[in-house]
Amino acid sequence: MEFFCYHHDRPGSSALRDELLEEHWSYMDGYAAEMIARGPTLDGDRDAATGSLHILDLPGPAAAHAFAFGEPGYQAGVYRDVLVRRWHNTLGRTMWEFPGGRTDGDRYLVLGLGGGRAADLAVPPGSDELIAYGPLLSDDGSAWLGTAALVRAPDPETARAVLLTPGRYADIEVHNWQFGGRPS
């Protein structure tokens, strides 16, 4: 089962986040085989982290919650909140298989938060710019709760417009994002 985990930073926690970076990477090394996508969300200048995204293939909801809440930054108080949702990898690939590479162009995390009748279950047109895409689901997979995507786009407005059906979401968040992991 695939899970979407987004840790959103607590204001003023950047020094603590930096202090725990090696612990964070070491923790993530233990999940390397399960990782579909990962990386920080960034502020408007793309200078500082504002959150940490991980999409993984894990045995079930208990394993996903253990992953999310066992993360060293969470344990130390770096994050203000954590979103853990079952997810479906509509593209069927990892971020490392994205043909656009790791660094060419700006990248965004687009979160469409909703409920009710499912929307945007199929891969949208223009999928060449999609790094990851899929519905957010309840733990048992029976309820649609929104859509999450990682996309390369020239700006946040383009990222938002390419992906989600207008009027189907209670809220749409667009975050600057970059490929994560240890620097090579």
C-alpha atoms as a PDB file:
ATOM      1  CA  MET A   1       0.000   0.000   0.000  1.00  0.00           C
ATOM      2  CA  GLU A   2       1.221   3.449  -0.838  1.00  0.00           C
ATOM      3  CA  PHE A   3       1.110   6.307   1.651  1.00  0.00           C
ATOM      4  CA  PHE A   4       1.549  10.064   1.421  1.00  0.00           C
ATOM      5  CA  CYS A   5       3.205  11.693   4.478  1.00  0.00           C
ATOM      6  CA  TYR A   6       3.628  15.446   4.725  1.00  0.00           C
ATOM      7  CA  HIS A   7       5.265  16.936   7.819  1.00  0.00           C
ATOM      8  CA  HIS A   8       4.601  20.688   7.958  1.00  0.00           C
ATOM      9  CA  ASP A   9       7.227  22.675   9.885  1.00  0.00           C
ATOM     10  CA  ARG A  10       6.424  24.561  13.073  1.00  0.00           C
ATOM     11  CA  PRO A  11       7.309  28.275  12.797  1.00  0.00           C
ATOM     12  CA  GLY A  12      10.736  28.975  14.273  1.00  0.00           C
ATOM     13  CA  SER A  13      11.950  25.366  14.057  1.00  0.00           C
ATOM     14  CA  SER A  14      14.524  25.772  11.256  1.00  0.00           C
ATOM     15  CA  ALA A  15      17.573  25.634  13.578  1.00  0.00           C
ATOM     16  CA  LEU A  16      16.283  22.417  15.162  1.00  0.00           C
ATOM     17  CA  ARG A  17      15.521  21.007  11.705  1.00  0.00           C
ATOM     18  CA  ASP A  18      19.093  21.757  10.580  1.00  0.00           C
ATOM     19  CA  GLU A  19      20.515  20.196  13.747  1.00  0.00           C
ATOM     20  CA  LEU A  20      18.592  16.967  13.070  1.00  0.00           C
ATOM     21  CA  LEU A  21      19.313  16.710   9.330  1.00  0.00           C
ATOM     22  CA  GLU A  22      21.757  13.798   9.571  1.00  0.00           C
ATOM     23  CA  GLU A  23      19.389  11.925  11.916  1.00  0.00           C
ATOM     24  CA  HIS A  24      16.566  12.548   9.430  1.00  0.00           C
ATOM     25  CA  TRP A  25      18.598  11.218   6.498  1.00  0.00           C
ATOM     26  CA  SER A  26      19.737   8.178   8.485  1.00  0.00           C
ATOM     27  CA  TYR A  27      16.122   7.430   9.394  1.00  0.00           C
ATOM     28  CA  MET A  28      15.101   7.747   5.739  1.00  0.00           C
ATOM     29  CA  ASP A  29      17.972   5.465   4.685  1.00  0.00           C
ATOM     30  CA  GLY A  30      16.094   2.705   6.507  1.00  0.00           C
ATOM     31  CA  TYR A  31      13.157   3.236   4.123  1.00  0.00           C
ATOM     32  CA  ALA A  32      15.095   3.631   0.858  1.00  0.00           C
ATOM     33  CA  ALA A  33      13.552   0.521  -0.748  1.00  0.00           C
ATOM     34  CA  GLU A  34      10.019   1.719   0.063  1.00  0.00           C
ATOM     35  CA  MET A  35      10.461   5.324  -1.105  1.00  0.00           C
ATOM     36  CA  ILE A  36       8.449   6.558  -4.121  1.00  0.00           C
ATOM     37  CA  ALA A  37       9.191  10.261  -3.655  1.00  0.00           C
ATOM     38  CA  ARG A  38      10.704  12.534  -1.039  1.00  0.00           C
ATOM     39  CA  GLY A  39      11.888  16.053  -0.504  1.00  0.00           C
ATOM     40  CA  PRO A  40      11.402  19.307   1.331  1.00  0.00           C
ATOM     41  CA  THR A  41       8.814  21.947   0.651  1.00  0.00           C
ATOM     42  CA  LEU A  42      10.385  25.391   0.536  1.00  0.00           C
ATOM     43  CA  ASP A  43       9.585  29.018   1.291  1.00  0.00           C
ATOM     44  CA  GLY A  44       8.822  31.550  -1.470  1.00  0.00           C
ATOM     45  CA  ASP A  45      12.511  32.220  -2.135  1.00  0.00           C
ATOM     46  CA  ARG A  46      13.286  28.473  -2.131  1.00  0.00           C
ATOM     47  CA  ASP A  47      15.904  29.196   0.569  1.00  0.00           C
ATOM     48  CA  ALA A  48      14.452  27.499   3.638  1.00  0.00           C
ATOM     49  CA  ALA A  49      12.496  24.311   4.240  1.00  0.00           C
ATOM     50  CA  THR A  50       8.857  24.587   5.311  1.00  0.00           C
ATOM     51  CA  GLY A  51       8.035  20.889   5.435  1.00  0.00           C
ATOM     52  CA  SER A  52       9.069  17.384   4.495  1.00  0.00           C
ATOM     53  CA  LEU A  53       7.237  15.120   2.025  1.00  0.00           C
ATOM     54  CA  HIS A  54       7.577  11.345   1.740  1.00  0.00           C
ATOM     55  CA  ILE A  55       5.570   8.938  -0.405  1.00  0.00           C
ATOM     56  CA  LEU A  56       6.235   5.289   0.441  1.00  0.00           C
ATOM     57  CA  ASP A  57       5.024   1.774  -0.219  1.00  0.00           C
ATOM     58  CA  LEU A  58       4.405   0.240   3.226  1.00  0.00           C
ATOM     59  CA  PRO A  59       2.520  -2.809   4.555  1.00  0.00           C
ATOM     60  CA  GLY A  60      -0.425  -0.841   5.953  1.00  0.00           C
ATOM     61  CA  PRO A  61      -1.711   2.150   7.928  1.00  0.00           C
ATOM     62  CA  ALA A  62       0.039   1.134  11.165  1.00  0.00           C
ATOM     63  CA  ALA A  63       3.400   1.048   9.374  1.00  0.00           C
ATOM     64  CA  ALA A  64       2.692   4.432   7.756  1.00  0.00           C
ATOM     65  CA  HIS A  65       1.831   6.008  11.107  1.00  0.00           C
ATOM     66  CA  ALA A  66       4.917   4.437  12.719  1.00  0.00           C
ATOM     67  CA  PHE A  67       7.054   5.901   9.910  1.00  0.00           C
ATOM     68  CA  ALA A  68       5.515   9.385  10.150  1.00  0.00           C
ATOM     69  CA  PHE A  69       5.519   9.702  13.929  1.00  0.00           C
ATOM     70  CA  GLY A  70       8.853   7.935  14.497  1.00  0.00           C
ATOM     71  CA  GLU A  71      10.705  10.443  12.296  1.00  0.00           C
ATOM     72  CA  PRO A  72      13.385  12.262  14.361  1.00  0.00           C
ATOM     73  CA  GLY A  73      12.144  15.746  13.488  1.00  0.00           C
ATOM     74  CA  TYR A  74       8.641  14.850  14.587  1.00  0.00           C
ATOM     75  CA  GLN A  75       9.944  13.354  17.821  1.00  0.00           C
ATOM     76  CA  ALA A  76      11.955  16.539  18.535  1.00  0.00           C
ATOM     77  CA  GLY A  77       9.146  18.996  17.745  1.00  0.00           C
ATOM     78  CA  VAL A  78      10.194  20.326  14.327  1.00  0.00           C
ATOM     79  CA  TYR A  79       6.731  19.843  12.825  1.00  0.00           C
ATOM     80  CA  ARG A  80       3.469  21.641  13.537  1.00  0.00           C
ATOM     81  CA  ASP A  81       1.311  18.924  11.975  1.00  0.00           C
ATOM     82  CA  VAL A  82       1.507  15.744   9.947  1.00  0.00           C
ATOM     83  CA  LEU A  83      -0.769  14.577   7.135  1.00  0.00           C
ATOM     84  CA  VAL A  84      -0.749  10.804   6.580  1.00  0.00           C
ATOM     85  CA  ARG A  85      -3.036   9.444   3.877  1.00  0.00           C
ATOM     86  CA  ARG A  86      -3.233   6.324   1.813  1.00  0.00           C
ATOM     87  CA  TRP A  87      -2.287   7.198  -1.752  1.00  0.00           C
ATOM     88  CA  HIS A  88      -2.420   5.543  -5.165  1.00  0.00           C
ATOM     89  CA  ASN A  89       0.620   5.870  -7.444  1.00  0.00           C
ATOM     90  CA  THR A  90      -1.289   6.580 -10.666  1.00  0.00           C
ATOM     91  CA  LEU A  91       1.935   7.057 -12.672  1.00  0.00           C
ATOM     92  CA  GLY A  92       3.399   3.759 -11.435  1.00  0.00           C
ATOM     93  CA  ARG A  93       6.929   5.116 -11.031  1.00  0.00           C
ATOM     94  CA  THR A  94       9.236   6.734  -8.501  1.00  0.00           C
ATOM     95  CA  MET A  95      10.478  10.309  -8.670  1.00  0.00           C
ATOM     96  CA  TRP A  96      13.885   8.975  -9.725  1.00  0.00           C
ATOM     97  CA  GLU A  97      12.252   7.644 -12.900  1.00  0.00           C
ATOM     98  CA  PHE A  98      10.860  11.076 -13.847  1.00  0.00           C
ATOM     99  CA  PRO A  99      12.306  11.796 -17.326  1.00  0.00           C
ATOM    100  CA  GLY A 100      12.769  15.490 -16.466  1.00  0.00           C
ATOM    101  CA  GLY A 101      15.609  14.756 -14.051  1.00  0.00           C
ATOM    102  CA  ARG A 102      16.307  16.105 -10.569  1.00  0.00           C
ATOM    103  CA  THR A 103      17.035  19.778 -11.132  1.00  0.00           C
ATOM    104  CA  ASP A 104      15.722  21.157 -14.441  1.00  0.00           C
ATOM    105  CA  GLY A 105      12.899  23.646 -13.736  1.00  0.00           C
ATOM    106  CA  ASP A 106      10.830  24.554 -10.688  1.00  0.00           C
ATOM    107  CA  ARG A 107       8.954  21.809  -8.841  1.00  0.00           C
ATOM    108  CA  TYR A 108       5.775  22.021  -6.780  1.00  0.00           C
ATOM    109  CA  LEU A 109       3.716  19.940  -4.409  1.00  0.00           C
ATOM    110  CA  VAL A 110       0.027  20.473  -5.194  1.00  0.00           C
ATOM    111  CA  LEU A 111      -2.476  19.273  -2.581  1.00  0.00           C
ATOM    112  CA  GLY A 112      -6.151  19.318  -3.419  1.00  0.00           C
ATOM    113  CA  LEU A 113      -8.058  18.670  -0.199  1.00  0.00           C
ATOM    114  CA  GLY A 114     -11.611  17.529  -0.640  1.00  0.00           C
ATOM    115  CA  GLY A 115     -14.215  14.965   0.125  1.00  0.00           C
ATOM    116  CA  GLY A 116     -17.359  13.542  -1.299  1.00  0.00           C
ATOM    117  CA  ARG A 117     -17.464  12.354  -4.891  1.00  0.00           C
ATOM    118  CA  ALA A 118     -13.995  11.477  -6.198  1.00  0.00           C
ATOM    119  CA  ALA A 119     -12.342  13.681  -8.829  1.00  0.00           C
ATOM    120  CA  ASP A 120      -9.149  13.628 -10.855  1.00  0.00           C
ATOM    121  CA  LEU A 121      -8.516   9.907 -10.498  1.00  0.00           C
ATOM    122  CA  ALA A 122      -7.019   9.539 -13.979  1.00  0.00           C
ATOM    123  CA  VAL A 123      -3.693  11.007 -15.021  1.00  0.00           C
ATOM    124  CA  PRO A 124      -4.426  14.478 -16.439  1.00  0.00           C
ATOM    125  CA  PRO A 125      -3.318  15.661 -19.869  1.00  0.00           C
ATOM    126  CA  GLY A 126       0.220  17.033 -19.947  1.00  0.00           C
ATOM    127  CA  SER A 127       1.534  14.268 -17.710  1.00  0.00           C
ATOM    128  CA  ASP A 128       5.050  14.797 -19.074  1.00  0.00           C
ATOM    129  CA  GLU A 129       5.524  17.352 -16.286  1.00  0.00           C
ATOM    130  CA  LEU A 130       4.142  15.116 -13.528  1.00  0.00           C
ATOM    131  CA  ILE A 131       6.699  13.641 -11.160  1.00  0.00           C
ATOM    132  CA  ALA A 132       4.114  11.876  -8.968  1.00  0.00           C
ATOM    133  CA  TYR A 133       0.312  11.909  -9.030  1.00  0.00           C
ATOM    134  CA  GLY A 134      -2.531  10.192  -7.247  1.00  0.00           C
ATOM    135  CA  PRO A 135      -5.587  10.346  -5.039  1.00  0.00           C
ATOM    136  CA  LEU A 136      -5.432  10.785  -1.266  1.00  0.00           C
ATOM    137  CA  LEU A 137      -7.572   8.104   0.370  1.00  0.00           C
ATOM    138  CA  SER A 138      -8.812   7.002   3.780  1.00  0.00           C
ATOM    139  CA  ASP A 139      -6.717   4.355   5.559  1.00  0.00           C
ATOM    140  CA  ASP A 140      -8.918   1.556   4.225  1.00  0.00           C
ATOM    141  CA  GLY A 141      -8.897   3.052   0.704  1.00  0.00           C
ATOM    142  CA  SER A 142     -12.682   3.410   0.533  1.00  0.00           C
ATOM    143  CA  ALA A 143     -13.033   7.206   0.716  1.00  0.00           C
ATOM    144  CA  TRP A 144     -11.491   9.805  -1.582  1.00  0.00           C
ATOM    145  CA  LEU A 145     -10.042  12.705   0.440  1.00  0.00           C
ATOM    146  CA  GLY A 146      -8.282  14.666  -2.280  1.00  0.00           C
ATOM    147  CA  THR A 147      -5.439  14.557  -4.775  1.00  0.00           C
ATOM    148  CA  ALA A 148      -1.680  15.049  -4.409  1.00  0.00           C
ATOM    149  CA  ALA A 149       0.818  15.735  -7.153  1.00  0.00           C
ATOM    150  CA  LEU A 150       4.429  16.652  -7.646  1.00  0.00           C
ATOM    151  CA  VAL A 151       4.832  18.652 -10.836  1.00  0.00           C
ATOM    152  CA  ARG A 152       7.410  20.626 -12.764  1.00  0.00           C
ATOM    153  CA  ALA A 153       5.914  23.965 -13.828  1.00  0.00           C
ATOM    154  CA  PRO A 154       7.065  27.515 -14.587  1.00  0.00           C
ATOM    155  CA  ASP A 155       5.095  28.962 -11.631  1.00  0.00           C
ATOM    156  CA  PRO A 156       2.637  27.994  -8.857  1.00  0.00           C
ATOM    157  CA  GLU A 157      -0.435  29.126 -10.820  1.00  0.00           C
ATOM    158  CA  THR A 158       0.443  26.838 -13.730  1.00  0.00           C
ATOM    159  CA  ALA A 159       1.068  23.943 -11.329  1.00  0.00           C
ATOM    160  CA  ARG A 160      -2.350  24.474  -9.736  1.00  0.00           C
ATOM    161  CA  ALA A 161      -4.225  24.842 -13.036  1.00  0.00           C
ATOM    162  CA  VAL A 162      -2.751  21.834 -14.803  1.00  0.00           C
ATOM    163  CA  LEU A 163      -3.809  19.306 -12.240  1.00  0.00           C
ATOM    164  CA  LEU A 164      -7.073  19.771 -10.470  1.00  0.00           C
ATOM    165  CA  THR A 165     -10.694  20.219 -11.526  1.00  0.00           C
ATOM    166  CA  PRO A 166     -11.948  23.658 -10.401  1.00  0.00           C
ATOM    167  CA  GLY A 167     -14.689  23.587  -7.792  1.00  0.00           C
ATOM    168  CA  ARG A 168     -14.053  20.003  -6.610  1.00  0.00           C
ATOM    169  CA  TYR A 169     -11.756  20.860  -3.701  1.00  0.00           C
ATOM    170  CA  ALA A 170     -12.332  22.576  -0.367  1.00  0.00           C
ATOM    171  CA  ASP A 171      -8.772  23.888  -0.522  1.00  0.00           C
ATOM    172  CA  ILE A 172      -5.810  23.694  -2.874  1.00  0.00           C
ATOM    173  CA  GLU A 173      -2.311  24.229  -1.529  1.00  0.00           C
ATOM    174  CA  VAL A 174       0.709  24.778  -3.754  1.00  0.00           C
ATOM    175  CA  HIS A 175       4.145  24.477  -2.146  1.00  0.00           C
ATOM    176  CA  ASN A 176       7.582  24.937  -3.657  1.00  0.00           C
ATOM    177  CA  TRP A 177       9.244  21.511  -3.572  1.00  0.00           C
ATOM    178  CA  GLN A 178      12.530  19.906  -4.565  1.00  0.00           C
ATOM    179  CA  PHE A 179      13.867  16.374  -4.909  1.00  0.00           C
ATOM    180  CA  GLY A 180      15.113  15.204  -1.521  1.00  0.00           C
ATOM    181  CA  GLY A 181      17.758  12.942  -0.123  1.00  0.00           C
ATOM    182  CA  ARG A 182      21.385  13.229   0.781  1.00  0.00           C
ATOM    183  CA  PRO A 183      23.340  15.571  -1.489  1.00  0.00           C
ATOM    184  CA  SER A 184      25.410  13.600  -3.987  1.00  0.00           C
END
